[in-house]
């Protein structure tokens, strides 16, 4: 049973499903006793504890659990990055805590190990990680390379995750290539039932094709927060979706309300109604 439960951990961590994570953690802790349970401690319990700490807003506590997972794996001689994506989680936490230098160092270590291992899926994921912490055109180049490597790997999930990051990077840069990349990712994940990732593509495609005057008033970050708030998401849910702090969401919403001259969430839906566009509309080419 512990092995079966441990195998389910990605079903909670990838879509950031806190309810599933709590369910799994509760059952794993019941069985993680003695020599048999110890084998699953670093692979399952620590990542779940780290995720739930992060979900609760305790980023330092989450990072402690993730780093402890890495240390236990290293002591066991399991340095292969294909065995656990703990550096991916650590990189994200460093970024959310405002330490991009630490994030880049962890991502670079993951990339070096992935190159030595050589498996396309692992290398492609490491390239994606490095691309997300690298600014400007170089970051986009790394994400494109990740896409190329994963396209030949057969791992459609990792390819979909890379297309999501590449699409968002191109969207932030105002590159017209963003929309076809996002469309490719949407179709890829929708066909395979990866609903949590398909939702990300659907959201970014909506932001890409939006053609109201709001685009001229709000920044892309503000627009993303505003759209989610208008859908009824809480500040915590928005922060988890966009991988930012709750405080950042609050600041964005404050600026959105001021710029759009609305009193609060109740006025956002009307203020964000998109304008229908045709194939020749320049606003659709802006993305």
C-alpha atoms as a PDB file:
ATOM      1  CA  UNK A   1       0.000   0.000   0.000  1.00  0.00           C
ATOM      2  CA  UNK A   2       2.739   2.577   0.790  1.00  0.00           C
ATOM      3  CA  UNK A   3       4.233   2.049  -2.675  1.00  0.00           C
ATOM      4  CA  UNK A   4       0.825   2.559  -4.316  1.00  0.00           C
ATOM      5  CA  UNK A   5       0.225   5.727  -2.291  1.00  0.00           C
ATOM      6  CA  UNK A   6       3.684   7.077  -3.144  1.00  0.00           C
ATOM      7  CA  UNK A   7       3.000   6.486  -6.833  1.00  0.00           C
ATOM      8  CA  UNK A   8      -0.050   8.750  -6.538  1.00  0.00           C
ATOM      9  CA  UNK A   9       1.928  11.728  -5.215  1.00  0.00           C
ATOM     10  CA  UNK A  10       2.355  13.413  -8.643  1.00  0.00           C
ATOM     11  CA  UNK A  11      -1.448  13.396  -9.051  1.00  0.00           C
ATOM     12  CA  UNK A  12      -1.554  15.868  -6.166  1.00  0.00           C
ATOM     13  CA  UNK A  13       1.631  17.868  -6.729  1.00  0.00           C
ATOM     14  CA  UNK A  14       1.403  18.574 -10.473  1.00  0.00           C
ATOM     15  CA  UNK A  15      -2.113  20.072 -10.462  1.00  0.00           C
ATOM     16  CA  UNK A  16      -1.465  21.564  -6.984  1.00  0.00           C
ATOM     17  CA  UNK A  17      -4.372  19.691  -5.465  1.00  0.00           C
ATOM     18  CA  UNK A  18      -4.183  20.430  -1.737  1.00  0.00           C
ATOM     19  CA  UNK A  19      -7.113  18.177  -0.898  1.00  0.00           C
ATOM     20  CA  UNK A  20      -5.497  15.187  -2.579  1.00  0.00           C
ATOM     21  CA  UNK A  21      -2.149  16.032  -0.966  1.00  0.00           C
ATOM     22  CA  UNK A  22      -3.659  16.012   2.518  1.00  0.00           C
ATOM     23  CA  UNK A  23      -5.425  12.724   1.808  1.00  0.00           C
ATOM     24  CA  UNK A  24      -2.206  11.093   0.618  1.00  0.00           C
ATOM     25  CA  UNK A  25      -0.081  12.539   3.416  1.00  0.00           C
ATOM     26  CA  UNK A  26      -2.472  11.284   6.078  1.00  0.00           C
ATOM     27  CA  UNK A  27      -2.393   7.732   4.715  1.00  0.00           C
ATOM     28  CA  UNK A  28       1.328   7.666   4.015  1.00  0.00           C
ATOM     29  CA  UNK A  29       2.126   8.815   7.538  1.00  0.00           C
ATOM     30  CA  UNK A  30       0.069   5.933   8.917  1.00  0.00           C
ATOM     31  CA  UNK A  31       2.184   3.456   6.949  1.00  0.00           C
ATOM     32  CA  UNK A  32       5.595   5.197   7.091  1.00  0.00           C
ATOM     33  CA  UNK A  33       6.851   3.229  10.057  1.00  0.00           C
ATOM     34  CA  UNK A  34       9.712   0.770  10.292  1.00  0.00           C
ATOM     35  CA  UNK A  35      12.145  -0.097   7.522  1.00  0.00           C
ATOM     36  CA  UNK A  36       9.453  -0.522   4.886  1.00  0.00           C
ATOM     37  CA  UNK A  37       7.911   2.928   5.431  1.00  0.00           C
ATOM     38  CA  UNK A  38      11.306   4.653   5.590  1.00  0.00           C
ATOM     39  CA  UNK A  39      11.887   3.884   1.926  1.00  0.00           C
ATOM     40  CA  UNK A  40       9.057   6.239   0.965  1.00  0.00           C
ATOM     41  CA  UNK A  41       9.898   9.075   3.372  1.00  0.00           C
ATOM     42  CA  UNK A  42      12.007  11.227   1.087  1.00  0.00           C
ATOM     43  CA  UNK A  43      10.131  10.377  -2.123  1.00  0.00           C
ATOM     44  CA  UNK A  44       6.621  11.078  -0.895  1.00  0.00           C
ATOM     45  CA  UNK A  45       6.200  12.480   2.610  1.00  0.00           C
ATOM     46  CA  UNK A  46       8.620  15.396   2.383  1.00  0.00           C
ATOM     47  CA  UNK A  47       7.367  16.728  -0.998  1.00  0.00           C
ATOM     48  CA  UNK A  48       3.776  16.497   0.234  1.00  0.00           C
ATOM     49  CA  UNK A  49       4.626  18.313   3.453  1.00  0.00           C
ATOM     50  CA  UNK A  50       6.510  20.938   1.475  1.00  0.00           C
ATOM     51  CA  UNK A  51       3.610  21.496  -0.897  1.00  0.00           C
ATOM     52  CA  UNK A  52       1.094  21.872   1.935  1.00  0.00           C
ATOM     53  CA  UNK A  53       3.391  24.321   3.744  1.00  0.00           C
ATOM     54  CA  UNK A  54       3.651  26.312   0.521  1.00  0.00           C
ATOM     55  CA  UNK A  55      -0.125  26.176   0.039  1.00  0.00           C
ATOM     56  CA  UNK A  56      -0.535  27.596   3.546  1.00  0.00           C
ATOM     57  CA  UNK A  57       1.874  30.443   2.751  1.00  0.00           C
ATOM     58  CA  UNK A  58       4.858  29.110   4.735  1.00  0.00           C
ATOM     59  CA  UNK A  59       7.463  29.292   1.980  1.00  0.00           C
ATOM     60  CA  UNK A  60      10.579  28.915   4.215  1.00  0.00           C
ATOM     61  CA  UNK A  61       9.016  25.828   5.827  1.00  0.00           C
ATOM     62  CA  UNK A  62       8.184  24.416   2.414  1.00  0.00           C
ATOM     63  CA  UNK A  63      11.733  24.989   1.190  1.00  0.00           C
ATOM     64  CA  UNK A  64      13.121  23.245   4.283  1.00  0.00           C
ATOM     65  CA  UNK A  65      11.119  20.080   3.506  1.00  0.00           C
ATOM     66  CA  UNK A  66      12.113  20.135  -0.169  1.00  0.00           C
ATOM     67  CA  UNK A  67      15.811  20.612   0.617  1.00  0.00           C
ATOM     68  CA  UNK A  68      15.655  17.863   3.235  1.00  0.00           C
ATOM     69  CA  UNK A  69      14.245  15.583   0.536  1.00  0.00           C
ATOM     70  CA  UNK A  70      17.234  16.399  -1.683  1.00  0.00           C
ATOM     71  CA  UNK A  71      19.701  15.795   1.130  1.00  0.00           C
ATOM     72  CA  UNK A  72      18.215  12.387   1.943  1.00  0.00           C
ATOM     73  CA  UNK A  73      18.317  11.367  -1.704  1.00  0.00           C
ATOM     74  CA  UNK A  74      21.951  12.455  -1.983  1.00  0.00           C
ATOM     75  CA  UNK A  75      22.941  10.496   1.127  1.00  0.00           C
ATOM     76  CA  UNK A  76      21.276   7.437  -0.377  1.00  0.00           C
ATOM     77  CA  UNK A  77      23.366   7.917  -3.538  1.00  0.00           C
ATOM     78  CA  UNK A  78      20.335   8.802  -5.635  1.00  0.00           C
ATOM     79  CA  UNK A  79      21.553  11.888  -7.506  1.00  0.00           C
ATOM     80  CA  UNK A  80      19.825  11.111 -10.787  1.00  0.00           C
ATOM     81  CA  UNK A  81      17.419  14.041 -11.473  1.00  0.00           C
ATOM     82  CA  UNK A  82      14.961  11.621 -13.070  1.00  0.00           C
ATOM     83  CA  UNK A  83      14.238  10.106  -9.636  1.00  0.00           C
ATOM     84  CA  UNK A  84      12.780  13.226  -8.029  1.00  0.00           C
ATOM     85  CA  UNK A  85      12.002  16.763  -9.262  1.00  0.00           C
ATOM     86  CA  UNK A  86      12.875  18.287  -5.894  1.00  0.00           C
ATOM     87  CA  UNK A  87      15.137  20.922  -7.510  1.00  0.00           C
ATOM     88  CA  UNK A  88      12.208  22.091  -9.636  1.00  0.00           C
ATOM     89  CA  UNK A  89      10.199  22.698  -6.456  1.00  0.00           C
ATOM     90  CA  UNK A  90      13.159  24.376  -4.739  1.00  0.00           C
ATOM     91  CA  UNK A  91      13.692  26.682  -7.715  1.00  0.00           C
ATOM     92  CA  UNK A  92      10.053  27.770  -7.667  1.00  0.00           C
ATOM     93  CA  UNK A  93      10.163  28.434  -3.932  1.00  0.00           C
ATOM     94  CA  UNK A  94      13.365  30.492  -4.206  1.00  0.00           C
ATOM     95  CA  UNK A  95      11.684  32.624  -6.875  1.00  0.00           C
ATOM     96  CA  UNK A  96       8.556  33.124  -4.800  1.00  0.00           C
ATOM     97  CA  UNK A  97      10.728  34.134  -1.853  1.00  0.00           C
ATOM     98  CA  UNK A  98      12.475  36.765  -3.968  1.00  0.00           C
ATOM     99  CA  UNK A  99      15.850  35.031  -4.386  1.00  0.00           C
ATOM    100  CA  UNK A 100      16.407  34.606  -8.158  1.00  0.00           C
ATOM    101  CA  UNK A 101      20.144  33.985  -7.717  1.00  0.00           C
ATOM    102  CA  UNK A 102      19.481  30.918  -5.566  1.00  0.00           C
ATOM    103  CA  UNK A 103      16.829  29.769  -8.050  1.00  0.00           C
ATOM    104  CA  UNK A 104      19.273  30.006 -10.948  1.00  0.00           C
ATOM    105  CA  UNK A 105      21.953  28.103  -9.022  1.00  0.00           C
ATOM    106  CA  UNK A 106      19.584  25.199  -8.296  1.00  0.00           C
ATOM    107  CA  UNK A 107      18.298  25.173 -11.895  1.00  0.00           C
ATOM    108  CA  UNK A 108      21.858  25.130 -13.245  1.00  0.00           C
ATOM    109  CA  UNK A 109      22.721  22.164 -10.996  1.00  0.00           C
ATOM    110  CA  UNK A 110      19.647  20.305 -12.255  1.00  0.00           C
ATOM    111  CA  UNK A 111      20.665  20.989 -15.854  1.00  0.00           C
ATOM    112  CA  UNK A 112      24.246  19.749 -15.329  1.00  0.00           C
ATOM    113  CA  UNK A 113      22.978  16.496 -13.796  1.00  0.00           C
ATOM    114  CA  UNK A 114      20.392  16.047 -16.563  1.00  0.00           C
ATOM    115  CA  UNK A 115      23.074  16.443 -19.245  1.00  0.00           C
ATOM    116  CA  UNK A 116      25.090  13.689 -17.573  1.00  0.00           C
ATOM    117  CA  UNK A 117      22.043  11.437 -17.335  1.00  0.00           C
ATOM    118  CA  UNK A 118      21.135  12.105 -20.957  1.00  0.00           C
ATOM    119  CA  UNK A 119      17.481  10.985 -21.033  1.00  0.00           C
ATOM    120  CA  UNK A 120      15.489  13.343 -23.306  1.00  0.00           C
ATOM    121  CA  UNK A 121      12.539  13.785 -20.906  1.00  0.00           C
ATOM    122  CA  UNK A 122      14.824  14.650 -17.987  1.00  0.00           C
ATOM    123  CA  UNK A 123      16.986  16.965 -20.095  1.00  0.00           C
ATOM    124  CA  UNK A 124      13.958  18.686 -21.591  1.00  0.00           C
ATOM    125  CA  UNK A 125      12.488  19.320 -18.126  1.00  0.00           C
ATOM    126  CA  UNK A 126      15.837  20.714 -16.911  1.00  0.00           C
ATOM    127  CA  UNK A 127      16.054  23.019 -19.926  1.00  0.00           C
ATOM    128  CA  UNK A 128      12.555  24.268 -19.127  1.00  0.00           C
ATOM    129  CA  UNK A 129      13.528  24.920 -15.525  1.00  0.00           C
ATOM    130  CA  UNK A 130      16.630  26.853 -16.577  1.00  0.00           C
ATOM    131  CA  UNK A 131      14.626  28.788 -19.151  1.00  0.00           C
ATOM    132  CA  UNK A 132      12.073  29.945 -16.595  1.00  0.00           C
ATOM    133  CA  UNK A 133      14.783  31.527 -14.418  1.00  0.00           C
ATOM    134  CA  UNK A 134      16.720  33.108 -17.295  1.00  0.00           C
ATOM    135  CA  UNK A 135      15.649  36.562 -18.412  1.00  0.00           C
ATOM    136  CA  UNK A 136      15.122  37.876 -21.925  1.00  0.00           C
ATOM    137  CA  UNK A 137      15.782  36.186 -25.220  1.00  0.00           C
ATOM    138  CA  UNK A 138      18.168  33.642 -23.724  1.00  0.00           C
ATOM    139  CA  UNK A 139      15.394  32.282 -21.526  1.00  0.00           C
ATOM    140  CA  UNK A 140      13.113  31.900 -24.545  1.00  0.00           C
ATOM    141  CA  UNK A 141      15.912  30.128 -26.440  1.00  0.00           C
ATOM    142  CA  UNK A 142      16.249  27.603 -23.609  1.00  0.00           C
ATOM    143  CA  UNK A 143      12.494  26.997 -23.605  1.00  0.00           C
ATOM    144  CA  UNK A 144      12.528  26.474 -27.371  1.00  0.00           C
ATOM    145  CA  UNK A 145      15.355  23.960 -26.941  1.00  0.00           C
ATOM    146  CA  UNK A 146      13.327  22.206 -24.253  1.00  0.00           C
ATOM    147  CA  UNK A 147      10.432  21.989 -26.688  1.00  0.00           C
ATOM    148  CA  UNK A 148      12.695  20.494 -29.372  1.00  0.00           C
ATOM    149  CA  UNK A 149      14.158  17.886 -27.019  1.00  0.00           C
ATOM    150  CA  UNK A 150      10.802  16.873 -25.549  1.00  0.00           C
ATOM    151  CA  UNK A 151       9.125  16.651 -28.952  1.00  0.00           C
ATOM    152  CA  UNK A 152      11.337  13.626 -29.609  1.00  0.00           C
ATOM    153  CA  UNK A 153      11.033  12.112 -26.146  1.00  0.00           C
ATOM    154  CA  UNK A 154       7.506  10.724 -26.275  1.00  0.00           C
ATOM    155  CA  UNK A 155       6.736  12.386 -22.928  1.00  0.00           C
ATOM    156  CA  UNK A 156       3.647  14.444 -23.766  1.00  0.00           C
ATOM    157  CA  UNK A 157       3.149  15.719 -20.229  1.00  0.00           C
ATOM    158  CA  UNK A 158       6.596  17.329 -20.046  1.00  0.00           C
ATOM    159  CA  UNK A 159       6.154  18.714 -23.559  1.00  0.00           C
ATOM    160  CA  UNK A 160       2.846  20.265 -22.520  1.00  0.00           C
ATOM    161  CA  UNK A 161       4.451  21.878 -19.487  1.00  0.00           C
ATOM    162  CA  UNK A 162       7.201  23.334 -21.655  1.00  0.00           C
ATOM    163  CA  UNK A 163       4.694  24.692 -24.170  1.00  0.00           C
ATOM    164  CA  UNK A 164       2.889  26.387 -21.270  1.00  0.00           C
ATOM    165  CA  UNK A 165       6.070  28.113 -20.088  1.00  0.00           C
ATOM    166  CA  UNK A 166       7.190  29.009 -23.610  1.00  0.00           C
ATOM    167  CA  UNK A 167       3.773  30.401 -24.472  1.00  0.00           C
ATOM    168  CA  UNK A 168       3.737  32.581 -21.379  1.00  0.00           C
ATOM    169  CA  UNK A 169       7.282  33.805 -21.998  1.00  0.00           C
ATOM    170  CA  UNK A 170       6.373  34.782 -25.571  1.00  0.00           C
ATOM    171  CA  UNK A 171       3.168  36.394 -24.305  1.00  0.00           C
ATOM    172  CA  UNK A 172       5.123  38.534 -21.839  1.00  0.00           C
ATOM    173  CA  UNK A 173       7.499  39.533 -24.631  1.00  0.00           C
ATOM    174  CA  UNK A 174       4.612  40.499 -26.945  1.00  0.00           C
ATOM    175  CA  UNK A 175       5.778  37.951 -29.501  1.00  0.00           C
ATOM    176  CA  UNK A 176       3.111  36.948 -32.072  1.00  0.00           C
ATOM    177  CA  UNK A 177       4.384  33.350 -31.863  1.00  0.00           C
ATOM    178  CA  UNK A 178       2.707  33.042 -28.434  1.00  0.00           C
ATOM    179  CA  UNK A 179      -0.747  32.172 -29.730  1.00  0.00           C
ATOM    180  CA  UNK A 180       0.205  29.169 -31.931  1.00  0.00           C
ATOM    181  CA  UNK A 181       2.412  27.776 -29.144  1.00  0.00           C
ATOM    182  CA  UNK A 182      -0.420  28.078 -26.632  1.00  0.00           C
ATOM    183  CA  UNK A 183      -2.875  26.570 -29.104  1.00  0.00           C
ATOM    184  CA  UNK A 184      -0.557  23.608 -29.676  1.00  0.00           C
ATOM    185  CA  UNK A 185      -0.257  23.046 -25.947  1.00  0.00           C
ATOM    186  CA  UNK A 186      -3.996  23.365 -25.428  1.00  0.00           C
ATOM    187  CA  UNK A 187      -4.796  20.762 -28.079  1.00  0.00           C
ATOM    188  CA  UNK A 188      -2.045  18.422 -26.890  1.00  0.00           C
ATOM    189  CA  UNK A 189      -3.210  18.390 -23.275  1.00  0.00           C
ATOM    190  CA  UNK A 190      -6.944  18.439 -24.054  1.00  0.00           C
ATOM    191  CA  UNK A 191      -6.573  15.333 -26.221  1.00  0.00           C
ATOM    192  CA  UNK A 192      -4.878  13.515 -23.335  1.00  0.00           C
ATOM    193  CA  UNK A 193      -7.225  14.639 -20.565  1.00  0.00           C
ATOM    194  CA  UNK A 194      -4.629  16.708 -18.660  1.00  0.00           C
ATOM    195  CA  UNK A 195      -7.336  19.094 -17.507  1.00  0.00           C
ATOM    196  CA  UNK A 196      -5.315  21.127 -15.006  1.00  0.00           C
ATOM    197  CA  UNK A 197      -2.789  22.028 -17.712  1.00  0.00           C
ATOM    198  CA  UNK A 198      -5.427  22.570 -20.386  1.00  0.00           C
ATOM    199  CA  UNK A 199      -7.021  25.161 -18.086  1.00  0.00           C
ATOM    200  CA  UNK A 200      -3.737  27.094 -18.010  1.00  0.00           C
ATOM    201  CA  UNK A 201      -3.625  27.179 -21.785  1.00  0.00           C
ATOM    202  CA  UNK A 202      -7.260  28.223 -22.001  1.00  0.00           C
ATOM    203  CA  UNK A 203      -6.604  31.111 -19.611  1.00  0.00           C
ATOM    204  CA  UNK A 204      -3.502  32.326 -21.475  1.00  0.00           C
ATOM    205  CA  UNK A 205      -5.219  32.025 -24.848  1.00  0.00           C
ATOM    206  CA  UNK A 206      -8.044  34.185 -23.517  1.00  0.00           C
ATOM    207  CA  UNK A 207      -5.514  36.780 -22.390  1.00  0.00           C
ATOM    208  CA  UNK A 208      -3.792  36.590 -25.763  1.00  0.00           C
ATOM    209  CA  UNK A 209      -6.930  37.164 -27.812  1.00  0.00           C
ATOM    210  CA  UNK A 210      -8.528  39.741 -25.528  1.00  0.00           C
ATOM    211  CA  UNK A 211      -9.246  42.857 -27.546  1.00  0.00           C
ATOM    212  CA  UNK A 212     -10.772  45.429 -25.247  1.00  0.00           C
ATOM    213  CA  UNK A 213      -9.378  48.781 -24.260  1.00  0.00           C
ATOM    214  CA  UNK A 214      -8.454  47.145 -20.948  1.00  0.00           C
ATOM    215  CA  UNK A 215      -5.290  45.839 -22.625  1.00  0.00           C
ATOM    216  CA  UNK A 216      -4.089  49.396 -23.028  1.00  0.00           C
ATOM    217  CA  UNK A 217      -4.693  50.201 -19.356  1.00  0.00           C
ATOM    218  CA  UNK A 218      -3.562  47.103 -17.481  1.00  0.00           C
ATOM    219  CA  UNK A 219      -0.239  45.329 -17.555  1.00  0.00           C
ATOM    220  CA  UNK A 220      -0.295  41.648 -18.528  1.00  0.00           C
ATOM    221  CA  UNK A 221       0.206  40.626 -14.899  1.00  0.00           C
ATOM    222  CA  UNK A 222      -2.654  42.856 -13.764  1.00  0.00           C
ATOM    223  CA  UNK A 223      -4.898  41.512 -16.527  1.00  0.00           C
ATOM    224  CA  UNK A 224      -4.262  37.892 -15.538  1.00  0.00           C
ATOM    225  CA  UNK A 225      -5.063  38.633 -11.896  1.00  0.00           C
ATOM    226  CA  UNK A 226      -8.168  40.623 -12.878  1.00  0.00           C
ATOM    227  CA  UNK A 227      -9.540  37.846 -15.087  1.00  0.00           C
ATOM    228  CA  UNK A 228      -9.143  35.240 -12.345  1.00  0.00           C
ATOM    229  CA  UNK A 229     -10.700  37.544  -9.754  1.00  0.00           C
ATOM    230  CA  UNK A 230     -13.644  38.188 -12.078  1.00  0.00           C
ATOM    231  CA  UNK A 231     -14.128  34.409 -12.328  1.00  0.00           C
ATOM    232  CA  UNK A 232     -14.646  34.298  -8.566  1.00  0.00           C
ATOM    233  CA  UNK A 233     -11.222  32.991  -7.493  1.00  0.00           C
ATOM    234  CA  UNK A 234      -9.952  33.965  -4.044  1.00  0.00           C
ATOM    235  CA  UNK A 235      -6.657  35.819  -3.652  1.00  0.00           C
ATOM    236  CA  UNK A 236      -5.056  32.597  -2.394  1.00  0.00           C
ATOM    237  CA  UNK A 237      -6.326  30.632  -5.398  1.00  0.00           C
ATOM    238  CA  UNK A 238      -5.047  33.323  -7.772  1.00  0.00           C
ATOM    239  CA  UNK A 239      -1.632  33.305  -6.066  1.00  0.00           C
ATOM    240  CA  UNK A 240      -1.391  29.516  -6.395  1.00  0.00           C
ATOM    241  CA  UNK A 241      -2.472  29.583 -10.052  1.00  0.00           C
ATOM    242  CA  UNK A 242       0.060  32.262 -11.024  1.00  0.00           C
ATOM    243  CA  UNK A 243       2.782  31.084  -8.606  1.00  0.00           C
ATOM    244  CA  UNK A 244       3.077  34.433  -6.865  1.00  0.00           C
ATOM    245  CA  UNK A 245       2.505  35.629  -3.306  1.00  0.00           C
ATOM    246  CA  UNK A 246      -0.910  36.626  -1.979  1.00  0.00           C
ATOM    247  CA  UNK A 247       0.560  40.064  -1.278  1.00  0.00           C
ATOM    248  CA  UNK A 248       1.455  40.451  -4.972  1.00  0.00           C
ATOM    249  CA  UNK A 249      -2.121  39.561  -5.929  1.00  0.00           C
ATOM    250  CA  UNK A 250      -3.472  42.157  -3.494  1.00  0.00           C
ATOM    251  CA  UNK A 251      -1.216  44.850  -4.966  1.00  0.00           C
ATOM    252  CA  UNK A 252      -2.251  43.986  -8.529  1.00  0.00           C
ATOM    253  CA  UNK A 253      -5.942  44.084  -7.616  1.00  0.00           C
ATOM    254  CA  UNK A 254      -5.569  47.449  -5.911  1.00  0.00           C
ATOM    255  CA  UNK A 255      -4.075  48.901  -9.093  1.00  0.00           C
ATOM    256  CA  UNK A 256      -6.711  47.185 -11.253  1.00  0.00           C
ATOM    257  CA  UNK A 257      -9.580  48.667  -9.245  1.00  0.00           C
ATOM    258  CA  UNK A 258      -8.032  52.122  -9.472  1.00  0.00           C
ATOM    259  CA  UNK A 259      -7.278  51.934 -13.202  1.00  0.00           C
ATOM    260  CA  UNK A 260     -10.693  50.552 -14.135  1.00  0.00           C
ATOM    261  CA  UNK A 261     -12.547  52.778 -11.650  1.00  0.00           C
ATOM    262  CA  UNK A 262     -14.456  49.858 -10.103  1.00  0.00           C
ATOM    263  CA  UNK A 263     -15.257  49.318  -6.426  1.00  0.00           C
ATOM    264  CA  UNK A 264     -14.225  45.695  -6.250  1.00  0.00           C
ATOM    265  CA  UNK A 265     -14.656  42.221  -7.682  1.00  0.00           C
ATOM    266  CA  UNK A 266     -18.335  42.788  -8.445  1.00  0.00           C
ATOM    267  CA  UNK A 267     -17.431  45.385 -11.074  1.00  0.00           C
ATOM    268  CA  UNK A 268     -14.611  43.463 -12.740  1.00  0.00           C
ATOM    269  CA  UNK A 269     -16.697  41.153 -14.925  1.00  0.00           C
ATOM    270  CA  UNK A 270     -18.383  44.037 -16.756  1.00  0.00           C
ATOM    271  CA  UNK A 271     -15.123  45.957 -17.078  1.00  0.00           C
ATOM    272  CA  UNK A 272     -13.336  42.978 -18.624  1.00  0.00           C
ATOM    273  CA  UNK A 273     -15.884  42.005 -21.287  1.00  0.00           C
ATOM    274  CA  UNK A 274     -13.822  41.249 -24.419  1.00  0.00           C
ATOM    275  CA  UNK A 275     -14.651  42.708 -27.792  1.00  0.00           C
ATOM    276  CA  UNK A 276     -15.281  40.216 -30.616  1.00  0.00           C
ATOM    277  CA  UNK A 277     -12.542  40.348 -33.216  1.00  0.00           C
ATOM    278  CA  UNK A 278     -12.131  39.165 -36.760  1.00  0.00           C
ATOM    279  CA  UNK A 279      -9.109  37.514 -38.358  1.00  0.00           C
ATOM    280  CA  UNK A 280      -7.796  40.857 -39.552  1.00  0.00           C
ATOM    281  CA  UNK A 281      -8.115  42.663 -36.252  1.00  0.00           C
ATOM    282  CA  UNK A 282      -4.683  43.984 -35.215  1.00  0.00           C
ATOM    283  CA  UNK A 283      -5.405  43.285 -31.550  1.00  0.00           C
ATOM    284  CA  UNK A 284      -5.363  39.552 -32.219  1.00  0.00           C
ATOM    285  CA  UNK A 285      -1.939  39.874 -33.843  1.00  0.00           C
ATOM    286  CA  UNK A 286      -0.516  41.738 -30.860  1.00  0.00           C
ATOM    287  CA  UNK A 287      -0.012  38.427 -29.068  1.00  0.00           C
END
